[in-house]
Amino acid sequence: MSSSTADLPSLTPNQINALVVLMVEARKLTNAELQELAGFTLTGKDNKKLVELGLVETDRSRRLLSHELTDEGWRVVRELHTAAPPKAGRSASRSLFTLLTNLHRGLDRLRISHGDFFKQTGAEPAPEVAPTSPTEVAPTPARSSVGGDTEALVRAAYRELAARPGAWVGLADLRDHLGGADRAAVDTALRALVRQDGVRIIPVANSKSLTARDRAAAVRIGDEDNHMLAIGAA
C-alpha cells in the first residue's frame, strides 16, 4: 500500500499513543505493562476501534488483556508522521509527531526499518530441533544443481553482485542471479541469514520507487516486505 495520508485512519491521542508504545516495544504488551510504561491501558472504545481497524490484535483469552500490533498497525504507525497531529492532543501530540518525523528521517538515512530498529534482542526463542533416533536421517539442506546449501548459494550470489562487502543488493537481482533456485528455500535462507552477524535485509523506505519486479521479489520478515540485502565482510 502506498504511503498517503488518505490511507491513515483518524485516531485519538490515546489510540496514537498506544500504537507508538506497541511499536517501540515491538512485542505483545499486557494492560499492566502499558500502565507501567506509559501510564494508560488500552480498553473500551480505544481498544475496540484499533481492533476493528485491524491495527491491533487483542488477546482476551486471559483475564489480563494483552495487545500487539498487526502488520497493518505497523504500516500505520510508520506513516503517522505524514498526517497532522490530532488537535485534542495539543502540544504533547505535536511533540510526539515531531519525534516520529525525525525518527523516520533518521531510519531512512540509515536504511533501517522500524521493525528492525525496535526489534527486541533475544525475543525470539531458538527453534526447537526434534531429536532423531539412530535410524532417522537428518533432512538435507535445500540444494541446487551446482551443490551447496541455499544459504551458501545466497552468499555466493551476493558476492558476485555486490560492488564490495556490505554494499546493498536488490533481492530482485539476487533472485534472478540464483536462476531456478526454489523460492521457498531462498526465503527460508534469507530469514535465517538475517539473524547472523553482518547480514542486513531491509525494505526500501520510499515505497513509491519500487517496481513490480521489486515487489514480487520481496521477502516477508516479521511485519514487513523487505527488498535489499547487505552482507559485510566475514
C-alpha atoms as a PDB file:
ATOM      1  CA  MET A   1       0.000   0.000   0.000  1.00  0.00           C
ATOM      2  CA  SER A   2       1.426   3.384  -0.898  1.00  0.00           C
ATOM      3  CA  SER A   3       2.193   5.965   1.737  1.00  0.00           C
ATOM      4  CA  SER A   4      -0.578   8.537   1.790  1.00  0.00           C
ATOM      5  CA  THR A   5      -2.422  10.448   4.481  1.00  0.00           C
ATOM      6  CA  ALA A   6      -5.598   9.201   2.805  1.00  0.00           C
ATOM      7  CA  ASP A   7      -4.622   5.711   3.930  1.00  0.00           C
ATOM      8  CA  LEU A   8      -4.340   6.757   7.587  1.00  0.00           C
ATOM      9  CA  PRO A   9      -7.382   6.494   9.884  1.00  0.00           C
ATOM     10  CA  SER A  10      -8.497   9.293  12.182  1.00  0.00           C
ATOM     11  CA  LEU A  11      -7.259   8.391  15.656  1.00  0.00           C
ATOM     12  CA  THR A  12      -7.479   9.903  19.126  1.00  0.00           C
ATOM     13  CA  PRO A  13      -4.331  10.895  21.020  1.00  0.00           C
ATOM     14  CA  ASN A  14      -4.682   7.849  23.300  1.00  0.00           C
ATOM     15  CA  GLN A  15      -5.060   5.496  20.322  1.00  0.00           C
ATOM     16  CA  ILE A  16      -1.969   7.021  18.723  1.00  0.00           C
ATOM     17  CA  ASN A  17      -0.027   6.697  21.973  1.00  0.00           C
ATOM     18  CA  ALA A  18      -0.999   3.030  22.193  1.00  0.00           C
ATOM     19  CA  LEU A  19       0.257   2.355  18.663  1.00  0.00           C
ATOM     20  CA  VAL A  20       3.535   4.159  19.324  1.00  0.00           C
ATOM     21  CA  VAL A  21       4.212   2.297  22.590  1.00  0.00           C
ATOM     22  CA  LEU A  22       3.450  -1.042  20.936  1.00  0.00           C
ATOM     23  CA  MET A  23       5.816  -0.103  18.110  1.00  0.00           C
ATOM     24  CA  VAL A  24       8.750   0.904  20.275  1.00  0.00           C
ATOM     25  CA  GLU A  25       8.360  -2.162  22.489  1.00  0.00           C
ATOM     26  CA  ALA A  26       7.902  -4.394  19.404  1.00  0.00           C
ATOM     27  CA  ARG A  27       6.194  -7.122  21.408  1.00  0.00           C
ATOM     28  CA  LYS A  28       2.908  -8.114  22.978  1.00  0.00           C
ATOM     29  CA  LEU A  29       2.055  -5.918  25.983  1.00  0.00           C
ATOM     30  CA  THR A  30      -0.477  -6.508  28.719  1.00  0.00           C
ATOM     31  CA  ASN A  31      -2.545  -3.653  30.080  1.00  0.00           C
ATOM     32  CA  ALA A  32      -0.448  -3.811  33.257  1.00  0.00           C
ATOM     33  CA  GLU A  33       2.703  -3.266  31.188  1.00  0.00           C
ATOM     34  CA  LEU A  34       1.100  -0.414  29.255  1.00  0.00           C
ATOM     35  CA  GLN A  35       0.133   1.203  32.550  1.00  0.00           C
ATOM     36  CA  GLU A  36       3.669   0.862  33.866  1.00  0.00           C
ATOM     37  CA  LEU A  37       5.358   2.053  30.675  1.00  0.00           C
ATOM     38  CA  ALA A  38       3.021   4.811  29.507  1.00  0.00           C
ATOM     39  CA  GLY A  39       0.517   5.465  32.275  1.00  0.00           C
ATOM     40  CA  PHE A  40      -2.587   4.191  30.489  1.00  0.00           C
ATOM     41  CA  THR A  41      -4.328   0.978  29.490  1.00  0.00           C
ATOM     42  CA  LEU A  42      -5.928   0.050  26.179  1.00  0.00           C
ATOM     43  CA  THR A  43      -9.562  -0.694  26.916  1.00  0.00           C
ATOM     44  CA  GLY A  44     -13.088   0.358  25.959  1.00  0.00           C
ATOM     45  CA  LYS A  45     -13.674   2.423  22.830  1.00  0.00           C
ATOM     46  CA  ASP A  46      -9.982   2.955  22.126  1.00  0.00           C
ATOM     47  CA  ASN A  47      -9.294  -0.777  22.117  1.00  0.00           C
ATOM     48  CA  LYS A  48     -12.447  -1.549  20.135  1.00  0.00           C
ATOM     49  CA  LYS A  49     -11.613   0.929  17.380  1.00  0.00           C
ATOM     50  CA  LEU A  50      -7.992  -0.209  16.977  1.00  0.00           C
ATOM     51  CA  VAL A  51      -9.117  -3.828  16.766  1.00  0.00           C
ATOM     52  CA  GLU A  52     -11.924  -3.024  14.296  1.00  0.00           C
ATOM     53  CA  LEU A  53      -9.476  -1.095  12.113  1.00  0.00           C
ATOM     54  CA  GLY A  54      -7.188  -4.134  12.119  1.00  0.00           C
ATOM     55  CA  LEU A  55      -4.323  -2.209  13.717  1.00  0.00           C
ATOM     56  CA  VAL A  56      -4.108  -4.124  17.000  1.00  0.00           C
ATOM     57  CA  GLU A  57      -4.738  -7.731  17.913  1.00  0.00           C
ATOM     58  CA  THR A  58      -6.025  -8.144  21.471  1.00  0.00           C
ATOM     59  CA  ASP A  59      -5.779 -11.453  23.294  1.00  0.00           C
ATOM     60  CA  ARG A  60      -8.834 -11.861  25.508  1.00  0.00           C
ATOM     61  CA  SER A  61      -8.174 -15.469  26.457  1.00  0.00           C
ATOM     62  CA  ARG A  62      -6.811 -14.387  29.833  1.00  0.00           C
ATOM     63  CA  ARG A  63      -8.151 -12.066  32.487  1.00  0.00           C
ATOM     64  CA  LEU A  64      -5.413  -9.516  31.773  1.00  0.00           C
ATOM     65  CA  LEU A  65      -5.790  -8.314  28.188  1.00  0.00           C
ATOM     66  CA  SER A  66      -2.670  -8.188  26.016  1.00  0.00           C
ATOM     67  CA  HIS A  67      -2.179  -6.278  22.778  1.00  0.00           C
ATOM     68  CA  GLU A  68       0.103  -6.494  19.755  1.00  0.00           C
ATOM     69  CA  LEU A  69       0.439  -4.546  16.511  1.00  0.00           C
ATOM     70  CA  THR A  70      -0.795  -6.245  13.353  1.00  0.00           C
ATOM     71  CA  ASP A  71       1.009  -5.815  10.021  1.00  0.00           C
ATOM     72  CA  GLU A  72      -1.451  -3.032   9.192  1.00  0.00           C
ATOM     73  CA  GLY A  73      -0.794  -1.485  12.602  1.00  0.00           C
ATOM     74  CA  TRP A  74       2.928  -1.372  11.842  1.00  0.00           C
ATOM     75  CA  ARG A  75       2.220   0.263   8.489  1.00  0.00           C
ATOM     76  CA  VAL A  76       0.024   2.937  10.014  1.00  0.00           C
ATOM     77  CA  VAL A  77       2.347   3.785  12.888  1.00  0.00           C
ATOM     78  CA  ARG A  78       5.307   4.005  10.479  1.00  0.00           C
ATOM     79  CA  GLU A  79       3.378   6.582   8.435  1.00  0.00           C
ATOM     80  CA  LEU A  80       1.756   8.570  11.266  1.00  0.00           C
ATOM     81  CA  HIS A  81       4.286  11.368  10.867  1.00  0.00           C
ATOM     82  CA  THR A  82       2.817  12.188   7.438  1.00  0.00           C
ATOM     83  CA  ALA A  83      -0.544  13.172   8.961  1.00  0.00           C
ATOM     84  CA  ALA A  84      -1.453  16.214  11.048  1.00  0.00           C
ATOM     85  CA  PRO A  85      -1.369  15.589  14.815  1.00  0.00           C
ATOM     86  CA  PRO A  86      -4.808  15.490  16.469  1.00  0.00           C
ATOM     87  CA  LYS A  87      -5.832  18.878  17.838  1.00  0.00           C
ATOM     88  CA  ALA A  88      -7.095  17.270  21.029  1.00  0.00           C
ATOM     89  CA  GLY A  89      -3.568  16.228  21.893  1.00  0.00           C
ATOM     90  CA  ARG A  90      -2.267  19.796  21.861  1.00  0.00           C
ATOM     91  CA  SER A  91       1.463  20.256  22.477  1.00  0.00           C
ATOM     92  CA  ALA A  92       2.031  16.653  23.567  1.00  0.00           C
ATOM     93  CA  SER A  93       0.768  15.297  20.235  1.00  0.00           C
ATOM     94  CA  ARG A  94       2.731  17.873  18.237  1.00  0.00           C
ATOM     95  CA  SER A  95       5.876  16.939  20.137  1.00  0.00           C
ATOM     96  CA  LEU A  96       5.253  13.239  19.505  1.00  0.00           C
ATOM     97  CA  PHE A  97       4.723  13.814  15.773  1.00  0.00           C
ATOM     98  CA  THR A  98       7.927  15.871  15.623  1.00  0.00           C
ATOM     99  CA  LEU A  99       9.736  12.927  17.175  1.00  0.00           C
ATOM    100  CA  LEU A 100       8.143  10.481  14.730  1.00  0.00           C
ATOM    101  CA  THR A 101       9.103  12.674  11.768  1.00  0.00           C
ATOM    102  CA  ASN A 102      12.736  12.825  12.853  1.00  0.00           C
ATOM    103  CA  LEU A 103      12.755   9.112  13.686  1.00  0.00           C
ATOM    104  CA  HIS A 104      11.555   8.323  10.152  1.00  0.00           C
ATOM    105  CA  ARG A 105      14.173  10.628   8.628  1.00  0.00           C
ATOM    106  CA  GLY A 106      16.956   9.025  10.677  1.00  0.00           C
ATOM    107  CA  LEU A 107      15.928   5.451   9.869  1.00  0.00           C
ATOM    108  CA  ASP A 108      15.540   6.366   6.208  1.00  0.00           C
ATOM    109  CA  ARG A 109      19.079   7.760   6.175  1.00  0.00           C
ATOM    110  CA  LEU A 110      20.426   4.625   7.904  1.00  0.00           C
ATOM    111  CA  ARG A 111      18.223   2.397   5.727  1.00  0.00           C
ATOM    112  CA  ILE A 112      16.910   0.544   8.765  1.00  0.00           C
ATOM    113  CA  SER A 113      13.273  -0.435   9.085  1.00  0.00           C
ATOM    114  CA  HIS A 114      11.199   0.474  12.140  1.00  0.00           C
ATOM    115  CA  GLY A 115      10.673  -3.207  12.886  1.00  0.00           C
ATOM    116  CA  ASP A 116      14.397  -3.952  12.724  1.00  0.00           C
ATOM    117  CA  PHE A 117      15.307  -0.882  14.797  1.00  0.00           C
ATOM    118  CA  PHE A 118      12.894  -1.679  17.626  1.00  0.00           C
ATOM    119  CA  LYS A 119      13.265  -5.466  17.479  1.00  0.00           C
ATOM    120  CA  GLN A 120      13.693  -6.957  20.939  1.00  0.00           C
ATOM    121  CA  THR A 121      17.106  -8.618  21.181  1.00  0.00           C
ATOM    122  CA  GLY A 122      16.708 -12.254  22.030  1.00  0.00           C
ATOM    123  CA  ALA A 123      12.925 -12.009  21.953  1.00  0.00           C
ATOM    124  CA  GLU A 124      12.628 -14.873  19.522  1.00  0.00           C
ATOM    125  CA  PRO A 125      13.357 -18.270  21.095  1.00  0.00           C
ATOM    126  CA  ALA A 126      15.766 -20.592  19.360  1.00  0.00           C
ATOM    127  CA  PRO A 127      13.921 -23.041  17.124  1.00  0.00           C
ATOM    128  CA  GLU A 128      13.343 -26.404  18.702  1.00  0.00           C
ATOM    129  CA  VAL A 129      15.012 -29.314  16.963  1.00  0.00           C
ATOM    130  CA  ALA A 130      13.317 -32.661  17.388  1.00  0.00           C
ATOM    131  CA  PRO A 131      15.782 -35.367  18.419  1.00  0.00           C
ATOM    132  CA  THR A 132      16.404 -38.080  15.867  1.00  0.00           C
ATOM    133  CA  SER A 133      16.599 -41.762  16.624  1.00  0.00           C
ATOM    134  CA  PRO A 134      19.600 -43.790  15.429  1.00  0.00           C
ATOM    135  CA  THR A 135      17.535 -44.985  12.459  1.00  0.00           C
ATOM    136  CA  GLU A 136      16.464 -41.499  11.427  1.00  0.00           C
ATOM    137  CA  VAL A 137      18.400 -39.376   8.990  1.00  0.00           C
ATOM    138  CA  ALA A 138      18.527 -35.602   9.424  1.00  0.00           C
ATOM    139  CA  PRO A 139      16.998 -33.696   6.483  1.00  0.00           C
ATOM    140  CA  THR A 140      19.402 -32.477   3.850  1.00  0.00           C
ATOM    141  CA  PRO A 141      19.526 -28.686   3.321  1.00  0.00           C
ATOM    142  CA  ALA A 142      17.962 -27.427   0.104  1.00  0.00           C
ATOM    143  CA  ARG A 143      20.495 -27.714  -2.682  1.00  0.00           C
ATOM    144  CA  SER A 144      20.801 -26.520  -6.230  1.00  0.00           C
ATOM    145  CA  SER A 145      22.224 -28.391  -9.173  1.00  0.00           C
ATOM    146  CA  VAL A 146      25.598 -26.741  -8.573  1.00  0.00           C
ATOM    147  CA  GLY A 147      25.736 -28.008  -4.971  1.00  0.00           C
ATOM    148  CA  GLY A 148      25.903 -26.249  -1.631  1.00  0.00           C
ATOM    149  CA  ASP A 149      23.077 -25.380   0.732  1.00  0.00           C
ATOM    150  CA  THR A 150      20.782 -22.475  -0.047  1.00  0.00           C
ATOM    151  CA  GLU A 151      22.351 -20.063   2.436  1.00  0.00           C
ATOM    152  CA  ALA A 152      25.739 -20.665   0.809  1.00  0.00           C
ATOM    153  CA  LEU A 153      24.200 -20.104  -2.612  1.00  0.00           C
ATOM    154  CA  VAL A 154      22.701 -16.803  -1.469  1.00  0.00           C
ATOM    155  CA  ARG A 155      26.045 -15.684  -0.049  1.00  0.00           C
ATOM    156  CA  ALA A 156      27.837 -16.664  -3.255  1.00  0.00           C
ATOM    157  CA  ALA A 157      25.298 -14.831  -5.416  1.00  0.00           C
ATOM    158  CA  TYR A 158      25.608 -11.755  -3.193  1.00  0.00           C
ATOM    159  CA  ARG A 159      29.413 -11.735  -3.532  1.00  0.00           C
ATOM    160  CA  GLU A 160      29.098 -11.832  -7.302  1.00  0.00           C
ATOM    161  CA  LEU A 161      26.569  -8.996  -7.401  1.00  0.00           C
ATOM    162  CA  ALA A 162      27.848  -6.648  -4.682  1.00  0.00           C
ATOM    163  CA  ALA A 163      30.364  -3.961  -5.568  1.00  0.00           C
ATOM    164  CA  ARG A 164      32.017  -4.538  -2.190  1.00  0.00           C
ATOM    165  CA  PRO A 165      31.234  -6.304   1.103  1.00  0.00           C
ATOM    166  CA  GLY A 166      28.375  -4.522   2.831  1.00  0.00           C
ATOM    167  CA  ALA A 167      27.010  -2.956  -0.375  1.00  0.00           C
ATOM    168  CA  TRP A 168      23.263  -3.169  -0.959  1.00  0.00           C
ATOM    169  CA  VAL A 169      21.944  -5.663  -3.494  1.00  0.00           C
ATOM    170  CA  GLY A 170      18.307  -5.795  -4.550  1.00  0.00           C
ATOM    171  CA  LEU A 171      16.514  -9.071  -3.895  1.00  0.00           C
ATOM    172  CA  ALA A 172      15.133  -8.916  -7.425  1.00  0.00           C
ATOM    173  CA  ASP A 173      18.691  -9.033  -8.815  1.00  0.00           C
ATOM    174  CA  LEU A 174      19.630 -11.719  -6.310  1.00  0.00           C
ATOM    175  CA  ARG A 175      16.722 -13.973  -7.290  1.00  0.00           C
ATOM    176  CA  ASP A 176      17.490 -13.524 -10.987  1.00  0.00           C
ATOM    177  CA  HIS A 177      21.114 -14.467 -10.303  1.00  0.00           C
ATOM    178  CA  LEU A 178      20.035 -17.601  -8.449  1.00  0.00           C
ATOM    179  CA  GLY A 179      18.096 -18.704 -11.503  1.00  0.00           C
ATOM    180  CA  GLY A 180      15.818 -21.632 -10.803  1.00  0.00           C
ATOM    181  CA  ALA A 181      16.506 -21.868  -7.059  1.00  0.00           C
ATOM    182  CA  ASP A 182      13.385 -22.818  -5.120  1.00  0.00           C
ATOM    183  CA  ARG A 183      11.565 -19.656  -3.952  1.00  0.00           C
ATOM    184  CA  ALA A 184      10.567 -21.077  -0.570  1.00  0.00           C
ATOM    185  CA  ALA A 185      14.093 -22.353   0.092  1.00  0.00           C
ATOM    186  CA  VAL A 186      15.589 -18.959  -0.748  1.00  0.00           C
ATOM    187  CA  ASP A 187      13.082 -17.189   1.519  1.00  0.00           C
ATOM    188  CA  THR A 188      13.925 -19.574   4.361  1.00  0.00           C
ATOM    189  CA  ALA A 189      17.637 -18.966   3.797  1.00  0.00           C
ATOM    190  CA  LEU A 190      17.172 -15.179   3.836  1.00  0.00           C
ATOM    191  CA  ARG A 191      15.207 -15.341   7.103  1.00  0.00           C
ATOM    192  CA  ALA A 192      17.987 -17.432   8.623  1.00  0.00           C
ATOM    193  CA  LEU A 193      20.760 -15.195   7.296  1.00  0.00           C
ATOM    194  CA  VAL A 194      19.271 -12.001   8.734  1.00  0.00           C
ATOM    195  CA  ARG A 195      19.842 -13.421  12.229  1.00  0.00           C
ATOM    196  CA  GLN A 196      23.557 -13.794  11.515  1.00  0.00           C
ATOM    197  CA  ASP A 197      26.254 -11.216  12.206  1.00  0.00           C
ATOM    198  CA  GLY A 198      26.949  -8.806   9.381  1.00  0.00           C
ATOM    199  CA  VAL A 199      23.740  -9.527   7.454  1.00  0.00           C
ATOM    200  CA  ARG A 200      21.022  -6.914   6.940  1.00  0.00           C
ATOM    201  CA  ILE A 201      17.792  -7.243   4.972  1.00  0.00           C
ATOM    202  CA  ILE A 202      15.612  -4.152   4.817  1.00  0.00           C
ATOM    203  CA  PRO A 203      12.634  -2.655   2.998  1.00  0.00           C
ATOM    204  CA  VAL A 204      13.039   0.248   0.603  1.00  0.00           C
ATOM    205  CA  ALA A 205      11.960   3.296   2.581  1.00  0.00           C
ATOM    206  CA  ASN A 206      10.486   5.075  -0.447  1.00  0.00           C
ATOM    207  CA  SER A 207       7.883   2.501  -1.451  1.00  0.00           C
ATOM    208  CA  LYS A 208       6.865   4.619  -4.438  1.00  0.00           C
ATOM    209  CA  SER A 209      10.226   3.871  -6.055  1.00  0.00           C
ATOM    210  CA  LEU A 210       9.576   0.118  -6.053  1.00  0.00           C
ATOM    211  CA  THR A 211       8.890  -1.592  -9.351  1.00  0.00           C
ATOM    212  CA  ALA A 212       6.566  -4.559  -9.787  1.00  0.00           C
ATOM    213  CA  ARG A 213       9.714  -6.682 -10.073  1.00  0.00           C
ATOM    214  CA  ASP A 214      10.992  -5.379  -6.709  1.00  0.00           C
ATOM    215  CA  ARG A 215       7.676  -6.099  -5.010  1.00  0.00           C
ATOM    216  CA  ALA A 216       7.473  -9.602  -6.442  1.00  0.00           C
ATOM    217  CA  ALA A 217      10.984 -10.401  -5.199  1.00  0.00           C
ATOM    218  CA  ALA A 218      10.406  -9.151  -1.633  1.00  0.00           C
ATOM    219  CA  VAL A 219      10.772 -11.477   1.324  1.00  0.00           C
ATOM    220  CA  ARG A 220       8.390 -11.134   4.255  1.00  0.00           C
ATOM    221  CA  ILE A 221      10.258 -10.925   7.565  1.00  0.00           C
ATOM    222  CA  GLY A 222       8.338 -10.044  10.697  1.00  0.00           C
ATOM    223  CA  ASP A 223       5.900  -7.298   9.822  1.00  0.00           C
ATOM    224  CA  GLU A 224       7.413  -6.032   6.568  1.00  0.00           C
ATOM    225  CA  ASP A 225       8.218  -6.858   2.966  1.00  0.00           C
ATOM    226  CA  ASN A 226      11.980  -6.469   2.512  1.00  0.00           C
ATOM    227  CA  HIS A 227      13.768  -5.693  -0.747  1.00  0.00           C
ATOM    228  CA  MET A 228      17.500  -5.165  -0.116  1.00  0.00           C
ATOM    229  CA  LEU A 229      20.343  -7.379   1.184  1.00  0.00           C
ATOM    230  CA  ALA A 230      23.758  -6.433   2.529  1.00  0.00           C
ATOM    231  CA  ILE A 231      26.386  -8.849   3.832  1.00  0.00           C
ATOM    232  CA  GLY A 232      29.517  -7.486   5.445  1.00  0.00           C
ATOM    233  CA  ALA A 233      32.996  -8.929   5.202  1.00  0.00           C
ATOM    234  CA  ALA A 234      33.437 -12.210   7.051  1.00  0.00           C
END
